[in-house]
Amino acid sequence: MAKKATMMFEIDEDRDVVEVQIQIFSEDSMGCDATFVLSQRARVKDHDPVHESKSLYRHNFRTDQRTITFTFPTSEFSGFCYDGSQIEIEYQGVLKIDDAIFFDTKVTEEVTYNLLKKPKIRRDADELIDPKDHFNFFTNLRAIPIRNQLATLVLLFVGGIVITVNSVIGCHDQVSLESQTYLYSHTDSDGDSASPLMQSLMGSGAAGLALWWAIRRELRKYMKFRFKSVPGRIDRTTSVPIERLVHGSTRVELNDVTLRVVACNLEKGQYMRGSGSDRRTVSFSEPVQGVLLYEHKARTIPRKQPVENYFPGNVEFAAMFDALYPPAVVSESHGLFVYWEVQLVLDKFVDQELVGSVTGLWEEDFFDDGS
């Protein structure tokens, strides 16, 4: 079938505009209402992805001529093209011509818009952003207040019973007739076969993760650690003394303590898993392009002393803007985000983390010239 229309883009950097040229070939498409929409799309690299898009610019017109040309400012772009580990971010122009009763003419073209020259995407940011937490459970337990010790033991006891009972039920239902199962069915809501044992294991796994998160929260009570003052505006020139950035006080003496400030980009998206009634949406947040902004190790921090006094120097944020991509947010669940945090890494106790605010970051500060 012959094309009814084509669409081409040309970015004029001197005038900071994008020129759109539409060519109409079909007589049926002449004299019709038409719409051009520029969208930003986050495409998830998965076999069962959930993509997301947002509309950036819309132009309504009539096809009164064979060749139609119009421009829009490059400021309508809210980001850049990006090819990462888990997601791609692209721009897409869609032309719709109201020239049929049922199937209107639709032309889709990608718009390449690369503004930044950054280092090649690093895929080893996990170790920097989420280092393995080494701690002694009983040493840590003794260091927290009595009420938190009791809460931790209750969580362990109740959680252990729930997970054990759930697993036993899963094993029973797996080998039992459908009429004799307690909780888990051999079929899902669509009538397809299902494994009671796998269902119970998934439930136990989810309960175990929730339990572990709650226990770690209690184990962190051996000290208080918080932000003291975070600049409302962070740019390439921002330099903050540690003693002004954080404040901490510990109930016990701490040894071999490392304080780090790290930053990264986060690739966020969603994909689908399961089938039938078990089909669910899974969200992910993958760190990439990690960068270390500050690191210092203190041999000993006495109890009840200000932790910040043992970490000299400033956090220099310039490296974050040199190494990372600016945020390209398509939605709350999709896109490329900027993330930074303060880490207090210890051997015998659960590590502490403080997540920094990114509301004071401006996109233009991430450009190579800082303009």
Protein backbone atom coordinates (compact mmCIF):
# COMPACT_ATOMS: atom_id res chain seq x y z
CA MET A 1 0.00 0.00 0.00
CA ALA A 2 1.38 3.40 -0.98
CA LYS A 3 2.16 5.86 1.75
CA LYS A 4 -0.46 8.54 2.24
CA ALA A 5 1.93 10.92 4.02
CA THR A 6 5.47 11.24 5.33
CA MET A 7 7.01 13.30 8.12
CA MET A 8 10.58 14.58 8.57
CA PHE A 9 12.34 16.50 11.36
CA GLU A 10 15.27 18.88 11.31
CA ILE A 11 16.77 20.45 14.44
CA ASP A 12 18.01 24.01 13.85
CA GLU A 13 20.45 24.63 16.70
CA ASP A 14 21.10 28.23 15.62
CA ARG A 15 17.45 29.17 16.06
CA ASP A 16 16.74 26.59 18.81
CA VAL A 17 13.75 25.22 16.91
CA VAL A 18 12.68 21.90 15.43
CA GLU A 19 11.26 22.08 11.92
CA VAL A 20 8.59 19.54 10.98
CA GLN A 21 7.91 18.92 7.30
CA ILE A 22 4.87 16.90 6.31
CA GLN A 23 4.32 15.66 2.76
CA ILE A 24 0.77 14.64 1.70
CA PHE A 25 0.54 12.11 -1.16
CA SER A 26 -3.06 10.88 -1.02
CA GLU A 27 -5.89 12.99 -2.41
CA ASP A 28 -8.14 11.53 0.31
CA SER A 29 -5.93 13.13 2.97
CA MET A 30 -6.23 16.65 1.57
CA GLY A 31 -8.48 19.22 3.27
CA CYS A 32 -8.71 17.24 6.52
CA ASP A 33 -8.16 18.06 10.17
CA ALA A 34 -4.82 16.81 11.43
CA THR A 35 -2.87 16.68 14.70
CA PHE A 36 0.84 16.42 15.40
CA VAL A 37 1.90 15.25 18.88
CA LEU A 38 5.45 15.09 20.22
CA SER A 39 5.83 12.56 23.04
CA GLN A 40 8.63 11.41 25.30
CA ARG A 41 8.66 7.63 25.72
CA ALA A 42 10.34 5.37 28.25
CA ARG A 43 10.73 1.91 26.75
CA VAL A 44 11.52 -0.95 29.14
CA LYS A 45 13.98 -3.61 27.97
CA ASP A 46 12.09 -6.72 29.02
CA HIS A 47 10.19 -9.56 27.34
CA ASP A 48 6.93 -8.37 28.96
CA PRO A 49 7.45 -4.63 29.39
CA VAL A 50 5.25 -1.79 30.61
CA HIS A 51 6.16 1.32 28.61
CA GLU A 52 5.20 4.87 29.51
CA SER A 53 4.93 8.14 27.59
CA LYS A 54 3.96 11.75 28.11
CA SER A 55 2.83 14.39 25.63
CA LEU A 56 5.19 17.37 25.27
CA TYR A 57 3.78 19.36 22.36
CA ARG A 58 0.61 19.36 20.25
CA HIS A 59 -0.14 21.18 16.99
CA ASN A 60 -3.55 21.16 15.27
CA PHE A 61 -3.85 22.13 11.60
CA ARG A 62 -5.58 21.34 8.28
CA THR A 63 -4.01 19.63 5.31
CA ASP A 64 -4.73 22.41 2.84
CA GLN A 65 -1.38 22.02 1.05
CA ARG A 66 0.69 19.08 -0.16
CA THR A 67 3.70 20.27 1.83
CA ILE A 68 3.14 21.58 5.34
CA THR A 69 5.95 23.03 7.43
CA PHE A 70 5.88 24.34 10.99
CA THR A 71 8.35 24.75 13.85
CA PHE A 72 8.34 24.46 17.61
CA PRO A 73 11.06 25.46 20.11
CA THR A 74 13.59 22.91 21.31
CA SER A 75 12.58 23.92 24.84
CA GLU A 76 9.60 21.60 24.35
CA PHE A 77 12.03 18.72 24.78
CA SER A 78 12.26 17.81 28.48
CA GLY A 79 15.36 15.67 28.39
CA PHE A 80 17.37 13.75 25.79
CA CYS A 81 17.58 10.40 24.03
CA TYR A 82 19.05 7.73 26.28
CA ASP A 83 19.98 4.07 25.83
CA GLY A 84 20.62 2.48 29.21
CA SER A 85 20.81 -0.87 30.93
CA GLN A 86 17.08 -1.40 31.62
CA ILE A 87 15.33 1.41 29.74
CA GLU A 88 15.49 3.57 26.63
CA ILE A 89 14.20 7.12 26.49
CA GLU A 90 13.20 8.42 23.08
CA TYR A 91 11.13 11.12 21.43
CA GLN A 92 8.35 10.25 19.04
CA GLY A 93 6.36 12.41 16.66
CA VAL A 94 2.89 11.13 15.74
CA LEU A 95 0.84 12.58 12.87
CA LYS A 96 -2.87 11.75 12.68
CA ILE A 97 -5.03 12.83 9.74
CA ASP A 98 -8.82 12.61 10.10
CA ASP A 99 -9.38 11.21 6.59
CA ALA A 100 -11.42 8.04 7.14
CA ILE A 101 -14.47 6.79 8.99
CA PHE A 102 -12.75 3.93 10.77
CA PHE A 103 -8.98 4.00 10.16
CA ASP A 104 -7.40 7.43 10.05
CA THR A 105 -3.96 7.93 8.57
CA LYS A 106 -1.25 7.68 11.21
CA VAL A 107 2.47 8.38 10.71
CA THR A 108 4.99 7.78 13.49
CA GLU A 109 8.63 8.87 13.43
CA GLU A 110 11.39 9.01 16.07
CA VAL A 111 13.06 12.32 16.83
CA THR A 112 16.71 12.00 17.86
CA TYR A 113 17.70 14.68 20.36
CA ASN A 114 21.08 14.21 22.01
CA LEU A 115 22.24 17.12 24.11
CA LEU A 116 24.81 15.58 26.39
CA LYS A 117 28.17 13.93 26.09
CA LYS A 118 28.65 11.86 29.21
CA PRO A 119 30.94 8.91 30.03
CA LYS A 120 29.78 5.50 28.90
CA ILE A 121 27.05 4.12 31.18
CA ARG A 122 28.59 2.28 34.14
CA ARG A 123 26.67 -0.80 35.24
CA ASP A 124 28.57 -1.43 38.50
CA ALA A 125 26.78 1.22 40.57
CA ASP A 126 24.99 -1.38 42.72
CA GLU A 127 28.08 -2.01 44.88
CA LEU A 128 28.58 1.72 45.43
CA ILE A 129 24.96 2.61 46.20
CA ASP A 130 24.03 -0.55 48.09
CA PRO A 131 27.21 -2.03 49.64
CA LYS A 132 26.95 -5.40 51.35
CA ASP A 133 26.01 -4.86 54.98
CA HIS A 134 28.30 -6.79 57.38
CA PHE A 135 27.12 -6.83 60.99
CA ASN A 136 26.93 -9.06 64.05
CA PHE A 137 23.27 -9.63 64.93
CA PHE A 138 23.75 -10.24 68.67
CA THR A 139 26.27 -7.41 69.11
CA ASN A 140 23.88 -5.09 67.32
CA LEU A 141 20.90 -6.37 69.33
CA ARG A 142 22.61 -5.64 72.65
CA ALA A 143 23.41 -2.08 71.53
CA ILE A 144 19.81 -0.97 70.95
CA PRO A 145 17.30 0.10 73.64
CA ILE A 146 15.37 -2.61 75.52
CA ARG A 147 12.06 -1.79 73.82
CA ASN A 148 13.68 -2.19 70.39
CA GLN A 149 15.32 -5.45 71.49
CA LEU A 150 11.90 -6.79 72.47
CA ALA A 151 10.35 -5.56 69.20
CA THR A 152 13.11 -7.32 67.22
CA LEU A 153 12.63 -10.62 69.07
CA VAL A 154 8.84 -10.44 68.65
CA LEU A 155 9.26 -9.84 64.91
CA LEU A 156 11.58 -12.83 64.65
CA PHE A 157 9.26 -15.09 66.65
CA VAL A 158 5.97 -14.12 65.00
CA GLY A 159 7.51 -13.91 61.53
CA GLY A 160 9.14 -17.31 61.91
CA ILE A 161 5.84 -18.89 62.93
CA VAL A 162 3.93 -17.29 60.03
CA ILE A 163 6.52 -18.35 57.44
CA THR A 164 6.75 -21.89 58.85
CA VAL A 165 2.97 -22.40 58.99
CA ASN A 166 2.54 -20.95 55.50
CA SER A 167 5.21 -23.28 54.10
CA VAL A 168 3.65 -26.33 55.79
CA ILE A 169 0.25 -25.42 54.33
CA GLY A 170 1.83 -25.07 50.89
CA CYS A 171 3.41 -28.55 51.15
CA HIS A 172 0.11 -30.05 52.37
CA ASP A 173 -1.95 -28.45 49.59
CA GLN A 174 0.59 -29.50 46.97
CA VAL A 175 0.07 -33.24 47.63
CA SER A 176 -3.63 -33.06 48.55
CA LEU A 177 -6.73 -33.35 46.40
CA GLU A 178 -8.34 -30.05 45.47
CA SER A 179 -11.24 -30.71 47.84
CA GLN A 180 -8.82 -31.25 50.75
CA THR A 181 -6.59 -28.16 50.37
CA TYR A 182 -6.45 -25.63 53.22
CA LEU A 183 -5.48 -22.40 51.46
CA TYR A 184 -3.84 -22.79 48.06
CA SER A 185 -5.76 -24.06 45.02
CA HIS A 186 -4.41 -26.26 42.22
CA THR A 187 -5.99 -23.92 39.64
CA ASP A 188 -6.05 -20.16 39.21
CA SER A 189 -9.06 -17.97 38.41
CA ASP A 190 -8.66 -18.66 34.68
CA GLY A 191 -8.81 -22.41 35.20
CA ASP A 192 -5.11 -22.96 34.49
CA SER A 193 -3.06 -25.27 36.70
CA ALA A 194 -1.21 -23.68 39.62
CA SER A 195 1.30 -24.95 42.16
CA PRO A 196 0.24 -24.52 45.82
CA LEU A 197 3.85 -25.00 46.91
CA MET A 198 5.11 -22.22 44.63
CA GLN A 199 2.30 -19.93 45.80
CA SER A 200 3.24 -20.52 49.44
CA LEU A 201 6.96 -20.01 48.73
CA MET A 202 6.22 -16.69 47.03
CA GLY A 203 4.10 -15.63 50.00
CA SER A 204 6.80 -16.70 52.46
CA GLY A 205 9.43 -14.85 50.45
CA ALA A 206 7.42 -11.65 50.48
CA ALA A 207 6.78 -12.00 54.21
CA GLY A 208 10.47 -12.67 54.82
CA LEU A 209 11.52 -9.50 52.96
CA ALA A 210 9.02 -7.40 54.91
CA LEU A 211 10.20 -8.99 58.17
CA TRP A 212 13.86 -8.33 57.37
CA TRP A 213 13.14 -4.69 56.51
CA ALA A 214 11.34 -4.22 59.86
CA ILE A 215 14.14 -5.92 61.82
CA ARG A 216 16.84 -3.79 60.17
CA ARG A 217 14.86 -0.68 61.07
CA GLU A 218 14.91 -1.74 64.74
CA LEU A 219 18.61 -2.67 64.66
CA ARG A 220 19.50 0.83 63.43
CA LYS A 221 18.37 2.27 66.77
CA TYR A 222 21.87 1.88 68.26
CA MET A 223 22.37 5.49 67.16
CA LYS A 224 20.62 8.59 65.86
CA PHE A 225 21.68 9.77 62.41
CA ARG A 226 19.99 12.55 60.45
CA PHE A 227 20.56 15.44 58.10
CA LYS A 228 21.46 18.69 59.83
CA SER A 229 21.17 21.00 56.83
CA VAL A 230 20.79 20.20 53.12
CA PRO A 231 21.30 23.11 50.70
CA GLY A 232 18.10 24.16 48.97
CA ARG A 233 20.09 24.62 45.76
CA ILE A 234 22.84 22.22 44.71
CA ASP A 235 25.03 22.99 41.69
CA ARG A 236 28.62 22.47 40.50
CA THR A 237 29.98 24.98 43.01
CA THR A 238 28.23 23.50 46.06
CA SER A 239 30.67 22.50 48.81
CA VAL A 240 29.25 21.47 52.19
CA PRO A 241 31.26 20.65 55.35
CA ILE A 242 30.26 17.28 56.79
CA GLU A 243 29.69 18.89 60.20
CA ARG A 244 27.00 21.08 58.61
CA LEU A 245 25.45 18.33 56.48
CA VAL A 246 24.74 15.56 59.04
CA HIS A 247 24.42 14.99 62.77
CA GLY A 248 24.73 11.74 64.68
CA SER A 249 25.00 10.42 68.22
CA THR A 250 25.68 6.81 69.18
CA ARG A 251 24.71 4.74 72.26
CA VAL A 252 27.89 2.62 71.99
CA GLU A 253 31.46 3.11 70.88
CA LEU A 254 31.89 2.66 67.14
CA ASN A 255 35.09 1.40 65.51
CA ASP A 256 36.32 1.53 61.91
CA VAL A 257 33.47 3.72 60.67
CA THR A 258 33.43 4.93 57.06
CA LEU A 259 31.29 7.87 56.01
CA ARG A 260 30.61 8.17 52.30
CA VAL A 261 28.51 10.42 50.10
CA VAL A 262 27.55 8.76 46.82
CA ALA A 263 25.36 9.61 43.85
CA CYS A 264 23.98 7.80 40.81
CA ASN A 265 21.32 7.76 38.14
CA LEU A 266 18.33 5.47 38.69
CA GLU A 267 16.64 3.78 35.76
CA LYS A 268 13.01 3.26 36.72
CA GLY A 269 10.34 1.27 34.92
CA GLN A 270 7.89 -1.59 35.17
CA TYR A 271 7.27 -5.02 33.65
CA MET A 272 4.65 -7.76 33.97
CA ARG A 273 5.08 -11.17 35.57
CA GLY A 274 2.81 -14.15 36.19
CA SER A 275 -0.32 -15.16 34.34
CA GLY A 276 -4.06 -15.24 34.86
CA SER A 277 -5.12 -14.03 38.30
CA ASP A 278 -1.46 -14.02 39.39
CA ARG A 279 -0.46 -11.50 36.71
CA ARG A 280 1.11 -8.49 38.41
CA THR A 281 3.08 -5.34 37.70
CA VAL A 282 6.66 -5.29 38.99
CA SER A 283 8.45 -1.96 39.45
CA PHE A 284 12.23 -1.67 39.36
CA SER A 285 14.79 1.00 40.22
CA GLU A 286 18.24 0.17 38.84
CA PRO A 287 21.31 2.23 39.87
CA VAL A 288 23.69 3.14 37.03
CA GLN A 289 26.58 5.58 36.62
CA GLY A 290 27.58 5.73 40.28
CA VAL A 291 30.04 8.34 41.56
CA LEU A 292 31.78 8.76 44.95
CA LEU A 293 31.59 12.35 46.26
CA TYR A 294 33.17 11.95 49.71
CA GLU A 295 34.82 9.19 51.77
CA HIS A 296 36.63 9.23 55.11
CA LYS A 297 37.26 6.57 57.75
CA ALA A 298 37.25 7.19 61.51
CA ARG A 299 39.07 4.67 63.68
CA THR A 300 36.95 5.27 66.82
CA ILE A 301 33.87 7.32 67.67
CA PRO A 302 33.12 7.40 71.43
CA ARG A 303 29.55 6.96 72.65
CA LYS A 304 27.35 10.06 72.98
CA GLN A 305 29.78 12.15 70.92
CA PRO A 306 28.74 14.07 67.75
CA VAL A 307 29.56 11.70 64.90
CA GLU A 308 30.14 14.53 62.43
CA ASN A 309 33.13 15.81 64.43
CA TYR A 310 35.17 12.81 63.33
CA PHE A 311 34.81 13.42 59.57
CA PRO A 312 36.75 16.43 58.30
CA GLY A 313 36.46 18.14 54.95
CA ASN A 314 33.66 19.01 52.56
CA VAL A 315 31.36 17.21 50.16
CA GLU A 316 32.13 18.55 46.68
CA PHE A 317 29.12 18.07 44.40
CA ALA A 318 30.85 19.02 41.12
CA ALA A 319 31.70 15.38 40.32
CA MET A 320 27.99 14.49 40.38
CA PHE A 321 27.26 16.90 37.54
CA ASP A 322 30.26 15.73 35.53
CA ALA A 323 29.47 12.02 35.77
CA LEU A 324 25.67 11.77 35.86
CA TYR A 325 22.90 12.43 33.38
CA PRO A 326 20.26 14.97 34.36
CA PRO A 327 16.82 13.61 35.25
CA ALA A 328 14.59 12.62 32.34
CA VAL A 329 11.34 11.84 34.13
CA VAL A 330 8.53 10.45 31.99
CA SER A 331 6.35 9.57 34.99
CA GLU A 332 6.81 8.77 38.68
CA SER A 333 7.44 5.14 37.76
CA HIS A 334 9.38 5.54 34.47
CA GLY A 335 12.45 7.45 33.40
CA LEU A 336 15.93 8.41 34.48
CA PHE A 337 16.32 9.93 37.95
CA VAL A 338 19.17 11.43 40.00
CA TYR A 339 19.82 9.99 43.45
CA TRP A 340 22.35 10.74 46.20
CA GLU A 341 22.77 9.56 49.77
CA VAL A 342 25.02 9.67 52.84
CA GLN A 343 26.23 6.27 54.04
CA LEU A 344 27.68 5.32 57.43
CA VAL A 345 29.33 1.93 56.89
CA LEU A 346 30.28 -0.24 59.89
CA ASP A 347 31.43 -3.82 60.52
CA LYS A 348 29.52 -4.85 63.66
CA PHE A 349 26.36 -2.78 63.24
CA VAL A 350 23.73 -2.27 60.56
CA ASP A 351 24.75 0.50 58.17
CA GLN A 352 22.99 3.86 58.22
CA GLU A 353 21.73 5.72 55.12
CA LEU A 354 20.28 9.18 54.55
CA VAL A 355 18.67 9.90 51.19
CA GLY A 356 19.38 13.40 49.91
CA SER A 357 16.85 15.75 48.35
CA VAL A 358 17.07 16.37 44.59
CA THR A 359 14.53 19.19 44.43
CA GLY A 360 17.38 21.73 44.32
CA LEU A 361 18.98 20.27 41.15
CA TRP A 362 18.66 22.11 37.83
CA GLU A 363 18.95 20.30 34.51
CA GLU A 364 21.25 22.89 32.91
CA ASP A 365 23.92 22.30 35.57
CA PHE A 366 24.55 18.82 34.12
CA PHE A 367 25.72 20.20 30.77
CA ASP A 368 29.43 19.94 30.07
CA ASP A 369 30.02 23.69 30.16
CA GLY A 370 27.85 24.21 33.25
CA SER A 371 25.90 26.96 31.52
